Amino acid sequence: MNIAFLKPPNGGILGLEMLTFVEPLGLICVAGCLEADGHVCKVIDLRLEGEEEGLEICRSFAPSVVGLQCNFTTERHRTIRLAEKVRRLLPEAFVIVGGHDASREPSWFRHPAIDAIAVGDGEEVMPHLVEALETGGDLRKVLGLVLQKNGALHHTGEAPMRRDLDT
């Protein structure tokens, strides 16, 4: 399965994100664990590619799943706008938002352009989500998701945490 991960573009001059302009390591780690399962992943950093070019790269990749990272509160509105653009560009793709801020307050991301919010470590949530999407499994049984259906939110339970971070 093709899976794209998008880091939203910069949008302001305030917030910690402007001081910590680093690689989207969380997205890279999640992509790595999915690639180990045989999936094809592409991490697109819109801060570097630019929004228009990055979205065209995403469209031409034709992902079945698009993950958006929202680590900072200052990224929230940009993440929602990006989800709307992804939904228009790739209407059949499953759109999921994750990251520190999304995990902290998933209800903020209740929006028709977003199918689910990942709560917790993406490395623990995404492999099970992708497997369920591939096999037609019940997403309500995938731990670590907040699903949106008919305007309501459904939390699937806590995602497992790794006991040993070195493995």
Foldseek 3Di string as FASTA:
>chain_A
DEEEEEEFADDDDDDPCVVPVDDPVLVVVLQVLVVVVVYHYYYFYCNPCPDVRSVVVVLVSLGQEYEYEDADPVCVVRRLVSLVVCCVSRVRHAYEYEYNVCQVPVVSPQDPSHFKYFHDRSNQQVVVVVVCVVVVHDPLCRARIWGADPSDTDHSHHGDDDPDPVD
